[in-house]
Amino acid sequence: MRFLSTTLLISLFLLFQSCSEKDNECDVSCTEEYRTIVVNIINSEGEPVALDSFKVVDLRNGRDLSDEPDDQTFQIMRERGNYPVFSDKYVEDYMQEELQIKFTGFIEDVEVVSEIYKVGADCCHIYHVSGDLELVV
């Protein structure tokens, strides 16, 4: 019986040692929704601004976090002036972290808008900490 108790204790210890710190912090059930932080870009008359392109970069390491939409989706973004800043696509990469990212928008290869955001990710979803989500150009 003592051997069984010792074996069980050692097995449990090894099991817990094999879990990463993030695994221990994220023992939760997540919702099925997919979240995206979006910036709304308008002109001084309140009309949507149609960017030709945009870029989102992790300021810590220069990693490109831009979501590259298909042509139809990008056209809808341009019509509405709404562009993705950060999405649940990056939850695993940035779980339990906060980071600064930079959104830059271009028209005819000229930078027309730029904003720095602080965002983060918990165990399930991303979240917005700071940075203006409505920009006027």
Protein backbone atom coordinates (compact mmCIF):
# COMPACT_ATOMS: atom_id res chain seq x y z
CA MET A 1 0.00 0.00 0.00
CA ARG A 2 2.86 2.36 0.83
CA PHE A 3 4.41 1.68 -2.60
CA LEU A 4 1.10 2.58 -4.29
CA SER A 5 0.81 5.84 -2.33
CA THR A 6 4.41 6.80 -3.17
CA THR A 7 3.90 5.93 -6.84
CA LEU A 8 0.68 7.94 -6.97
CA LEU A 9 2.34 10.90 -5.29
CA ILE A 10 5.28 10.82 -7.71
CA SER A 11 2.94 10.49 -10.69
CA LEU A 12 0.88 13.48 -9.60
CA PHE A 13 4.02 15.52 -9.01
CA LEU A 14 5.30 14.72 -12.52
CA LEU A 15 1.92 15.51 -14.02
CA PHE A 16 1.84 18.96 -12.43
CA GLN A 17 5.45 19.63 -13.36
CA SER A 18 4.69 18.91 -17.02
CA CYS A 19 2.01 21.63 -17.16
CA SER A 20 3.20 25.04 -18.19
CA GLU A 21 2.47 28.07 -16.06
CA LYS A 22 0.00 29.33 -18.66
CA ASP A 23 -1.87 26.00 -18.58
CA ASN A 24 -2.34 26.36 -14.83
CA GLU A 25 -3.64 29.91 -15.19
CA CYS A 26 -6.13 29.05 -17.92
CA ASP A 27 -8.31 26.30 -16.58
CA VAL A 28 -11.48 28.00 -17.81
CA SER A 29 -14.22 27.42 -20.34
CA CYS A 30 -14.11 29.94 -23.17
CA THR A 31 -17.01 31.32 -25.17
CA GLU A 32 -17.15 30.48 -28.87
CA GLU A 33 -17.27 34.12 -30.00
CA TYR A 34 -14.38 35.52 -32.05
CA ARG A 35 -13.30 38.99 -30.98
CA THR A 36 -11.59 41.65 -33.05
CA ILE A 37 -10.55 45.12 -31.94
CA VAL A 38 -11.47 47.52 -34.75
CA VAL A 39 -10.49 51.13 -35.41
CA ASN A 40 -13.03 53.41 -37.10
CA ILE A 41 -11.33 55.98 -39.35
CA ILE A 42 -13.35 58.99 -40.48
CA ASN A 43 -12.68 62.37 -42.06
CA SER A 44 -13.61 65.74 -40.52
CA GLU A 45 -17.14 65.44 -41.99
CA GLY A 46 -17.66 62.09 -40.24
CA GLU A 47 -17.43 60.03 -43.43
CA PRO A 48 -15.50 56.74 -43.56
CA VAL A 49 -11.93 56.92 -44.83
CA ALA A 50 -11.00 54.33 -47.46
CA LEU A 51 -7.40 53.28 -46.86
CA ASP A 52 -5.43 51.63 -49.65
CA SER A 53 -3.56 49.52 -47.10
CA PHE A 54 -2.78 49.27 -43.40
CA LYS A 55 -0.19 47.66 -41.18
CA VAL A 56 -0.21 46.54 -37.55
CA VAL A 57 3.11 45.88 -35.82
CA ASP A 58 4.10 44.54 -32.40
CA LEU A 59 6.37 47.32 -31.11
CA ARG A 60 8.45 44.93 -28.97
CA ASN A 61 9.81 42.90 -31.82
CA GLY A 62 8.55 44.35 -35.11
CA ARG A 63 6.30 41.35 -35.82
CA ASP A 64 3.70 42.10 -38.48
CA LEU A 65 0.25 41.43 -37.00
CA SER A 66 -1.74 42.74 -39.96
CA ASP A 67 -4.80 40.69 -40.82
CA GLU A 68 -4.81 40.49 -44.60
CA PRO A 69 -8.43 40.32 -45.71
CA ASP A 70 -9.66 39.02 -49.02
CA ASP A 71 -10.64 41.62 -51.64
CA GLN A 72 -14.35 41.54 -50.81
CA THR A 73 -13.77 41.94 -47.07
CA PHE A 74 -11.26 44.73 -47.65
CA GLN A 75 -13.78 46.57 -49.83
CA ILE A 76 -16.34 46.41 -46.99
CA MET A 77 -13.70 47.74 -44.57
CA ARG A 78 -12.97 50.64 -46.92
CA GLU A 79 -16.68 51.47 -47.31
CA ARG A 80 -17.20 51.51 -43.54
CA GLY A 81 -13.81 52.91 -42.51
CA ASN A 82 -13.39 50.01 -40.06
CA TYR A 83 -10.05 48.20 -39.88
CA PRO A 84 -8.86 45.35 -37.64
CA VAL A 85 -6.24 46.20 -35.04
CA PHE A 86 -5.93 42.93 -33.07
CA SER A 87 -7.94 39.71 -33.00
CA ASP A 88 -8.41 36.41 -31.20
CA LYS A 89 -6.12 34.95 -33.85
CA TYR A 90 -3.30 35.97 -31.48
CA VAL A 91 -4.66 34.69 -28.15
CA GLU A 92 -2.25 31.76 -27.97
CA ASP A 93 0.75 33.87 -28.97
CA TYR A 94 0.07 36.58 -26.38
CA MET A 95 -1.84 34.71 -23.68
CA GLN A 96 -1.67 36.44 -20.28
CA GLU A 97 0.32 39.34 -21.78
CA GLU A 98 -0.24 42.96 -22.66
CA LEU A 99 1.65 44.59 -25.51
CA GLN A 100 1.90 47.78 -27.50
CA ILE A 101 1.08 47.67 -31.17
CA LYS A 102 1.08 50.32 -33.85
CA PHE A 103 -1.64 50.68 -36.48
CA THR A 104 -0.63 52.63 -39.59
CA GLY A 105 -2.94 53.44 -42.52
CA PHE A 106 -1.88 54.42 -46.04
CA ILE A 107 -3.46 56.09 -49.05
CA GLU A 108 -1.41 56.00 -52.26
CA ASP A 109 1.59 54.74 -50.23
CA VAL A 110 1.48 57.83 -47.98
CA GLU A 111 0.95 57.37 -44.24
CA VAL A 112 -2.28 59.19 -43.35
CA VAL A 113 -3.00 57.80 -39.90
CA SER A 114 -1.05 56.17 -37.09
CA GLU A 115 -2.01 55.18 -33.55
CA ILE A 116 -0.35 53.16 -30.81
CA TYR A 117 -2.56 50.75 -28.87
CA LYS A 118 -2.06 48.73 -25.75
CA VAL A 119 -3.84 45.40 -26.07
CA GLY A 120 -3.72 42.08 -24.30
CA ALA A 121 -4.95 38.54 -24.23
CA ASP A 122 -6.33 36.45 -21.41
CA CYS A 123 -6.97 32.72 -21.63
CA CYS A 124 -9.77 33.04 -24.15
CA HIS A 125 -9.90 36.42 -25.87
CA ILE A 126 -8.03 39.60 -26.67
CA TYR A 127 -8.89 42.94 -25.10
CA HIS A 128 -8.29 46.67 -25.61
CA VAL A 129 -6.43 48.61 -22.91
CA SER A 130 -5.69 51.98 -24.50
CA GLY A 131 -5.54 53.86 -27.78
CA ASP A 132 -8.28 55.76 -29.60
CA LEU A 133 -10.63 53.48 -31.55
CA GLU A 134 -12.04 56.36 -33.59
CA LEU A 135 -9.51 58.36 -35.56
CA VAL A 136 -10.18 61.50 -37.59
CA VAL A 137 -8.01 62.29 -40.61
